[in-house]
């Protein structure tokens, strides 16, 4: 069994070195491709854009929609995790347990879908990017790799697709509608939403003002 222990130690060491190296590289280099993009059967459209060229309204919109505690947690929303665990115990549907940091870690380094193994890797990469990248870089990467439509990745490509304009010039309502579609970008309309999605987008547009008022995006612009 000694040989097995040595092999396991080498595998673990190799994974730690590889994961640290990747995180360090992507702190400075744009993420060229992700597993989600590679497995997308549709032609992929993306356009890496620096955070300085993305309207702050878009940052506020995704915080309002996805992670109101983005600037105050260390990668994990313990309250949301506790609620998800309680819902799981009762057989209920888990909603909104992942933070922007966790979603970024999953989108960049891992694959879609659940499972405890992937969740374990996700936790590790979330810890690393929080420590090495910081909030601004996490937000920048998230806004560039998040799926914003069929075969469309990043808010710049999404803004061009839906509004024929740059992500640097989005209105609060436009940003909110893009943020509202993020959980199900292949199924939720952005350009002409109706019913619940339209109301949800309008609600998020109002919450953008709350994020601005309360400085919930301050860590991104320190």
Protein backbone atom coordinates (compact mmCIF):
# COMPACT_ATOMS: atom_id res chain seq x y z
CA UNK A 1 0.00 0.00 0.00
CA UNK A 2 3.00 2.29 0.32
CA UNK A 3 3.21 2.62 -3.46
CA UNK A 4 -0.44 3.63 -3.57
CA UNK A 5 0.07 6.29 -0.89
CA UNK A 6 3.03 7.67 -2.81
CA UNK A 7 1.05 7.72 -6.06
CA UNK A 8 -1.86 9.46 -4.35
CA UNK A 9 0.49 12.02 -2.83
CA UNK A 10 1.98 12.72 -6.27
CA UNK A 11 -1.47 13.15 -7.81
CA UNK A 12 -2.55 15.53 -5.08
CA UNK A 13 0.68 17.51 -5.31
CA UNK A 14 0.38 17.70 -9.09
CA UNK A 15 -3.20 18.93 -8.84
CA UNK A 16 -2.25 21.60 -6.30
CA UNK A 17 0.60 22.87 -8.47
CA UNK A 18 -1.53 22.83 -11.63
CA UNK A 19 -4.50 24.59 -10.02
CA UNK A 20 -2.32 27.25 -8.43
CA UNK A 21 -0.54 27.82 -11.73
CA UNK A 22 -3.79 28.22 -13.64
CA UNK A 23 -5.21 30.65 -11.11
CA UNK A 24 -2.01 32.71 -11.17
CA UNK A 25 -1.99 32.83 -14.99
CA UNK A 26 -5.64 33.87 -15.24
CA UNK A 27 -5.10 36.64 -12.71
CA UNK A 28 -3.41 38.50 -15.56
CA UNK A 29 -4.34 36.72 -18.80
CA UNK A 30 -7.86 36.69 -20.32
CA UNK A 31 -9.52 33.29 -20.07
CA UNK A 32 -9.42 32.03 -23.69
CA UNK A 33 -11.99 29.25 -23.43
CA UNK A 34 -13.96 27.24 -20.88
CA UNK A 35 -15.34 23.70 -20.68
CA UNK A 36 -18.86 25.11 -21.06
CA UNK A 37 -17.88 26.82 -24.30
CA UNK A 38 -16.12 23.69 -25.54
CA UNK A 39 -19.23 21.58 -24.93
CA UNK A 40 -21.64 24.11 -26.43
CA UNK A 41 -23.11 22.67 -29.65
CA UNK A 42 -23.72 26.20 -30.96
CA UNK A 43 -21.13 28.49 -32.59
CA UNK A 44 -19.53 30.47 -29.76
CA UNK A 45 -19.47 34.26 -29.75
CA UNK A 46 -17.37 36.06 -27.15
CA UNK A 47 -15.45 39.29 -26.81
CA UNK A 48 -13.17 39.70 -23.79
CA UNK A 49 -13.62 43.19 -22.37
CA UNK A 50 -11.77 44.89 -19.54
CA UNK A 51 -13.89 45.79 -16.54
CA UNK A 52 -13.05 49.44 -17.12
CA UNK A 53 -14.91 49.17 -20.43
CA UNK A 54 -18.05 47.65 -18.89
CA UNK A 55 -20.69 50.01 -17.51
CA UNK A 56 -20.77 49.95 -13.72
CA UNK A 57 -24.52 49.49 -14.03
CA UNK A 58 -23.87 45.95 -15.31
CA UNK A 59 -21.76 45.15 -12.26
CA UNK A 60 -24.52 46.45 -10.01
CA UNK A 61 -27.14 44.47 -11.91
CA UNK A 62 -25.40 41.12 -11.47
CA UNK A 63 -24.78 41.84 -7.79
CA UNK A 64 -28.47 42.66 -7.39
CA UNK A 65 -29.51 39.53 -9.27
CA UNK A 66 -26.94 36.96 -8.21
CA UNK A 67 -25.05 37.89 -5.06
CA UNK A 68 -26.00 40.85 -2.88
CA UNK A 69 -23.25 39.95 -0.39
CA UNK A 70 -20.50 39.78 -2.99
CA UNK A 71 -18.40 42.44 -1.27
CA UNK A 72 -18.82 41.07 2.25
CA UNK A 73 -18.31 37.32 1.94
CA UNK A 74 -15.07 35.44 1.37
CA UNK A 75 -16.41 33.43 -1.54
CA UNK A 76 -19.20 31.56 0.23
CA UNK A 77 -22.56 32.83 1.48
CA UNK A 78 -22.95 30.76 4.64
CA UNK A 79 -26.55 31.83 5.12
CA UNK A 80 -27.48 30.71 1.60
CA UNK A 81 -25.62 27.43 2.13
CA UNK A 82 -27.56 26.81 5.35
CA UNK A 83 -30.86 27.50 3.60
CA UNK A 84 -29.89 25.20 0.73
CA UNK A 85 -29.01 22.44 3.20
CA UNK A 86 -32.36 22.85 4.97
CA UNK A 87 -34.19 22.78 1.65
CA UNK A 88 -32.26 19.68 0.64
CA UNK A 89 -33.19 17.93 3.85
CA UNK A 90 -36.85 18.58 3.14
CA UNK A 91 -36.58 17.59 -0.51
CA UNK A 92 -37.23 21.12 -1.69
CA UNK A 93 -35.72 22.92 -4.65
CA UNK A 94 -32.43 24.70 -3.93
CA UNK A 95 -32.34 28.27 -5.17
CA UNK A 96 -29.55 30.82 -5.32
CA UNK A 97 -26.96 29.07 -3.15
CA UNK A 98 -23.90 29.87 -5.26
CA UNK A 99 -22.07 33.18 -5.06
CA UNK A 100 -20.56 35.01 -8.03
CA UNK A 101 -17.17 33.75 -6.87
CA UNK A 102 -18.37 30.13 -6.91
CA UNK A 103 -19.97 30.56 -10.32
CA UNK A 104 -16.76 32.07 -11.68
CA UNK A 105 -14.68 29.20 -10.30
CA UNK A 106 -17.06 26.67 -11.86
CA UNK A 107 -17.28 28.46 -15.21
CA UNK A 108 -13.53 28.92 -15.63
CA UNK A 109 -12.01 25.75 -14.19
CA UNK A 110 -14.74 23.11 -14.10
CA UNK A 111 -17.85 21.79 -15.79
CA UNK A 112 -21.57 22.38 -15.46
CA UNK A 113 -23.81 20.08 -13.45
CA UNK A 114 -23.94 19.06 -9.83
CA UNK A 115 -22.30 16.37 -7.79
CA UNK A 116 -20.24 16.47 -4.62
CA UNK A 117 -16.95 15.91 -6.45
CA UNK A 118 -17.41 18.98 -8.63
CA UNK A 119 -18.63 20.96 -5.63
CA UNK A 120 -15.47 20.02 -3.78
CA UNK A 121 -13.25 21.24 -6.62
CA UNK A 122 -15.43 24.35 -6.90
CA UNK A 123 -14.83 25.16 -3.24
CA UNK A 124 -11.06 24.83 -3.71
CA UNK A 125 -10.95 27.07 -6.77
CA UNK A 126 -13.29 29.58 -5.11
CA UNK A 127 -10.90 29.80 -2.16
CA UNK A 128 -7.96 30.32 -4.52
CA UNK A 129 -9.49 33.06 -6.65
CA UNK A 130 -10.70 34.94 -3.59
CA UNK A 131 -7.18 34.90 -2.17
CA UNK A 132 -5.22 35.43 -5.40
CA UNK A 133 -7.50 37.37 -7.74
CA UNK A 134 -9.53 39.56 -5.43
CA UNK A 135 -13.05 40.86 -6.00
CA UNK A 136 -12.34 43.12 -8.98
CA UNK A 137 -10.69 40.38 -11.03
CA UNK A 138 -13.39 37.87 -10.07
CA UNK A 139 -16.07 40.25 -11.32
CA UNK A 140 -14.14 41.00 -14.51
CA UNK A 141 -13.73 37.31 -15.33
CA UNK A 142 -17.34 36.50 -14.42
CA UNK A 143 -18.69 39.18 -16.75
CA UNK A 144 -16.57 37.78 -19.57
CA UNK A 145 -17.25 34.04 -19.25
CA UNK A 146 -20.88 33.93 -18.07
CA UNK A 147 -23.24 32.56 -20.67
CA UNK A 148 -25.54 35.39 -21.78
CA UNK A 149 -27.46 33.63 -24.55
CA UNK A 150 -27.38 30.77 -27.02
CA UNK A 151 -23.70 30.44 -27.95
CA UNK A 152 -23.06 33.88 -26.43
CA UNK A 153 -20.57 34.43 -23.62
CA UNK A 154 -19.76 37.59 -21.72
CA UNK A 155 -21.69 40.81 -21.32
CA UNK A 156 -20.00 42.55 -24.26
CA UNK A 157 -21.14 39.87 -26.70
CA UNK A 158 -24.54 39.90 -25.00
CA UNK A 159 -24.91 43.67 -25.25
CA UNK A 160 -24.00 43.58 -28.93
CA UNK A 161 -26.43 40.73 -29.57
CA UNK A 162 -29.44 42.13 -27.75
CA UNK A 163 -29.00 45.90 -27.89
CA UNK A 164 -26.51 46.54 -30.71
CA UNK A 165 -24.31 48.53 -28.39
CA UNK A 166 -21.22 48.17 -26.24
CA UNK A 167 -21.43 46.97 -22.64
CA UNK A 168 -19.90 50.34 -21.78
CA UNK A 169 -23.21 52.07 -22.57
CA UNK A 170 -25.90 49.89 -21.01
CA UNK A 171 -28.90 51.46 -19.30
CA UNK A 172 -30.01 50.11 -15.89
CA UNK A 173 -32.97 48.33 -17.52
CA UNK A 174 -30.82 46.74 -20.22
CA UNK A 175 -28.26 45.57 -17.67
CA UNK A 176 -31.03 44.27 -15.42
CA UNK A 177 -32.62 42.27 -18.22
CA UNK A 178 -29.31 40.66 -19.07
CA UNK A 179 -28.74 39.85 -15.39
CA UNK A 180 -32.26 38.42 -15.08
CA UNK A 181 -31.54 35.95 -17.87
CA UNK A 182 -28.19 34.72 -16.47
CA UNK A 183 -29.49 31.63 -14.61
CA UNK A 184 -31.13 30.26 -17.78
CA UNK A 185 -29.61 32.19 -20.71
CA UNK A 186 -30.76 29.69 -23.33
CA UNK A 187 -34.39 29.89 -22.24
CA UNK A 188 -34.92 33.44 -20.94
CA UNK A 189 -35.49 36.26 -23.40
CA UNK A 190 -33.52 39.47 -22.99
CA UNK A 191 -34.64 41.71 -25.85
CA UNK A 192 -38.40 41.38 -25.46
CA UNK A 193 -39.16 39.62 -22.19
CA UNK A 194 -42.74 39.10 -21.08
CA UNK A 195 -44.64 38.06 -17.99
CA UNK A 196 -42.60 37.14 -14.93
CA UNK A 197 -39.24 37.73 -16.64
CA UNK A 198 -40.20 41.26 -17.62
CA UNK A 199 -41.36 42.03 -14.08
CA UNK A 200 -38.22 40.46 -12.65
CA UNK A 201 -36.05 42.60 -14.93
CA UNK A 202 -37.89 45.73 -13.83
CA UNK A 203 -37.41 44.74 -10.18
CA UNK A 204 -33.69 44.23 -10.73
CA UNK A 205 -33.43 47.62 -12.45
CA UNK A 206 -34.80 49.17 -9.27
CA UNK A 207 -32.39 47.15 -7.13
CA UNK A 208 -29.47 48.56 -9.15
CA UNK A 209 -30.18 51.83 -7.38
CA UNK A 210 -30.07 50.07 -4.02
CA UNK A 211 -26.68 48.54 -4.84
CA UNK A 212 -25.41 52.01 -5.79
CA UNK A 213 -26.91 53.68 -2.71
CA UNK A 214 -25.57 51.10 -0.26
CA UNK A 215 -22.18 50.72 -1.95
CA UNK A 216 -22.65 46.99 -2.43
CA UNK A 217 -20.25 47.14 -5.40
CA UNK A 218 -17.56 49.14 -3.59
CA UNK A 219 -15.09 46.22 -3.37
CA UNK A 220 -14.95 46.05 -7.16
CA UNK A 221 -13.83 49.65 -7.49
CA UNK A 222 -11.52 50.11 -4.49
